[in-house]
N, C-alpha and C. Protein backbone atom coordinates (compact mmCIF):
# COMPACT_ATOMS: atom_id res chain seq x y z
N MET A 1 -30.19 73.97 21.89
CA MET A 1 -29.22 72.93 21.62
C MET A 1 -28.43 73.31 20.36
N PRO A 2 -27.11 73.22 20.40
CA PRO A 2 -26.32 73.64 19.23
C PRO A 2 -26.52 72.69 18.05
N GLU A 3 -26.41 73.28 16.87
CA GLU A 3 -26.60 72.50 15.66
C GLU A 3 -25.30 71.78 15.29
N LEU A 4 -25.44 70.57 14.79
CA LEU A 4 -24.28 69.78 14.38
C LEU A 4 -23.99 70.08 12.91
N THR A 5 -22.98 70.89 12.68
CA THR A 5 -22.60 71.22 11.31
C THR A 5 -21.65 70.16 10.78
N LEU A 6 -21.39 70.21 9.50
CA LEU A 6 -20.48 69.25 8.90
C LEU A 6 -19.08 69.37 9.49
N GLU A 7 -18.64 70.59 9.73
CA GLU A 7 -17.30 70.80 10.27
C GLU A 7 -17.18 70.27 11.70
N SER A 8 -18.19 70.52 12.52
CA SER A 8 -18.13 70.03 13.90
C SER A 8 -18.26 68.51 13.94
N ALA A 9 -19.07 67.94 13.08
CA ALA A 9 -19.18 66.48 13.02
C ALA A 9 -17.85 65.86 12.59
N PHE A 10 -17.15 66.53 11.67
CA PHE A 10 -15.86 66.05 11.21
C PHE A 10 -14.83 66.06 12.34
N VAL A 11 -14.82 67.12 13.14
CA VAL A 11 -13.88 67.22 14.26
C VAL A 11 -14.19 66.17 15.31
N VAL A 12 -15.46 65.99 15.64
CA VAL A 12 -15.85 64.98 16.62
C VAL A 12 -15.52 63.58 16.12
N ALA A 13 -15.71 63.33 14.83
CA ALA A 13 -15.38 62.03 14.25
C ALA A 13 -13.88 61.76 14.32
N ILE A 14 -13.06 62.78 14.12
CA ILE A 14 -11.61 62.61 14.24
C ILE A 14 -11.23 62.26 15.67
N VAL A 15 -11.87 62.89 16.64
CA VAL A 15 -11.58 62.60 18.04
C VAL A 15 -11.94 61.15 18.37
N PHE A 16 -13.12 60.71 17.94
CA PHE A 16 -13.53 59.34 18.23
C PHE A 16 -12.69 58.32 17.45
N ALA A 17 -12.23 58.68 16.26
CA ALA A 17 -11.35 57.79 15.52
C ALA A 17 -10.01 57.65 16.23
N ALA A 18 -9.51 58.74 16.80
CA ALA A 18 -8.25 58.67 17.55
C ALA A 18 -8.41 57.81 18.81
N ILE A 19 -9.53 57.96 19.49
CA ILE A 19 -9.79 57.13 20.68
C ILE A 19 -9.86 55.66 20.29
N MET A 20 -10.54 55.37 19.19
CA MET A 20 -10.66 53.99 18.74
C MET A 20 -9.31 53.42 18.30
N THR A 21 -8.47 54.25 17.69
CA THR A 21 -7.14 53.80 17.27
C THR A 21 -6.26 53.48 18.48
N VAL A 22 -6.32 54.32 19.49
CA VAL A 22 -5.56 54.04 20.72
C VAL A 22 -6.07 52.76 21.37
N GLY A 23 -7.37 52.58 21.38
CA GLY A 23 -7.93 51.35 21.94
C GLY A 23 -7.50 50.12 21.18
N PHE A 24 -7.41 50.22 19.86
CA PHE A 24 -6.95 49.08 19.08
C PHE A 24 -5.48 48.80 19.34
N ALA A 25 -4.69 49.84 19.51
CA ALA A 25 -3.27 49.64 19.81
C ALA A 25 -3.08 49.00 21.19
N TRP A 26 -3.98 49.28 22.11
CA TRP A 26 -3.90 48.73 23.46
C TRP A 26 -4.86 47.56 23.65
N ARG A 27 -5.17 46.82 22.62
CA ARG A 27 -6.20 45.78 22.71
C ARG A 27 -5.84 44.65 23.67
N GLU A 28 -4.57 44.49 23.99
CA GLU A 28 -4.16 43.45 24.94
C GLU A 28 -4.17 43.96 26.37
N ARG A 29 -4.35 45.24 26.55
CA ARG A 29 -4.35 45.82 27.89
C ARG A 29 -5.78 45.96 28.39
N ARG A 30 -5.88 46.41 29.63
CA ARG A 30 -7.19 46.46 30.29
C ARG A 30 -8.16 47.43 29.62
N TRP A 31 -7.69 48.62 29.21
CA TRP A 31 -8.58 49.66 28.71
C TRP A 31 -8.76 49.63 27.21
N GLY A 32 -8.07 48.77 26.49
CA GLY A 32 -8.16 48.73 25.04
C GLY A 32 -9.56 48.48 24.50
N PRO A 33 -10.19 47.38 24.89
CA PRO A 33 -11.55 47.13 24.37
C PRO A 33 -12.56 48.20 24.78
N ALA A 34 -12.39 48.77 25.96
CA ALA A 34 -13.32 49.82 26.40
C ALA A 34 -13.15 51.07 25.53
N LEU A 35 -11.90 51.41 25.19
CA LEU A 35 -11.68 52.58 24.33
C LEU A 35 -12.22 52.34 22.93
N MET A 36 -12.08 51.13 22.42
CA MET A 36 -12.65 50.83 21.10
C MET A 36 -14.17 50.97 21.15
N MET A 37 -14.79 50.52 22.22
CA MET A 37 -16.24 50.62 22.35
C MET A 37 -16.67 52.08 22.44
N VAL A 38 -15.90 52.91 23.14
CA VAL A 38 -16.22 54.34 23.22
C VAL A 38 -16.16 54.97 21.83
N GLY A 39 -15.16 54.59 21.04
CA GLY A 39 -15.06 55.11 19.68
C GLY A 39 -16.23 54.71 18.81
N ILE A 40 -16.64 53.46 18.90
CA ILE A 40 -17.77 52.97 18.10
C ILE A 40 -19.06 53.66 18.53
N VAL A 41 -19.29 53.74 19.82
CA VAL A 41 -20.50 54.39 20.32
C VAL A 41 -20.50 55.88 19.95
N GLY A 42 -19.33 56.49 19.94
CA GLY A 42 -19.23 57.89 19.53
C GLY A 42 -19.64 58.10 18.09
N PHE A 43 -19.17 57.22 17.20
CA PHE A 43 -19.58 57.32 15.80
C PHE A 43 -21.08 57.10 15.65
N LEU A 44 -21.63 56.15 16.37
CA LEU A 44 -23.07 55.91 16.31
C LEU A 44 -23.85 57.10 16.87
N ALA A 45 -23.29 57.77 17.87
CA ALA A 45 -23.96 58.94 18.44
C ALA A 45 -24.00 60.09 17.44
N ILE A 46 -22.93 60.25 16.67
CA ILE A 46 -22.94 61.29 15.63
C ILE A 46 -24.04 61.00 14.62
N ILE A 47 -24.16 59.76 14.21
CA ILE A 47 -25.19 59.38 13.24
C ILE A 47 -26.58 59.59 13.85
N ALA A 48 -26.77 59.13 15.08
CA ALA A 48 -28.08 59.25 15.73
C ALA A 48 -28.46 60.72 15.94
N TYR A 49 -27.50 61.55 16.28
CA TYR A 49 -27.79 62.96 16.50
C TYR A 49 -28.22 63.63 15.20
N GLY A 50 -27.66 63.18 14.10
CA GLY A 50 -28.04 63.74 12.80
C GLY A 50 -29.39 63.25 12.32
N ILE A 51 -29.80 62.06 12.74
CA ILE A 51 -31.05 61.48 12.26
C ILE A 51 -32.25 61.89 13.10
N VAL A 52 -32.09 61.90 14.40
CA VAL A 52 -33.22 62.16 15.30
C VAL A 52 -33.70 63.59 15.10
N PRO A 53 -35.00 63.76 14.85
CA PRO A 53 -35.51 65.13 14.66
C PRO A 53 -35.47 65.90 15.97
N ARG A 54 -35.14 67.19 15.85
CA ARG A 54 -35.06 68.04 17.03
C ARG A 54 -36.32 68.92 17.07
N PHE A 55 -36.94 68.96 18.23
CA PHE A 55 -38.18 69.71 18.38
C PHE A 55 -37.93 71.07 18.96
């Protein structure tokens, strides 16, 4: 399994921030809240991947 370096975590965080921003801009449309949720879950996944010990 590849290691999550600071640089790769930064790039992934930028991607999820962009998804969350688009979702916030489209909050009145059908996919807006779903995109915001994907962004939030993505940030939580980055945190969880860094915390969970790898065997």
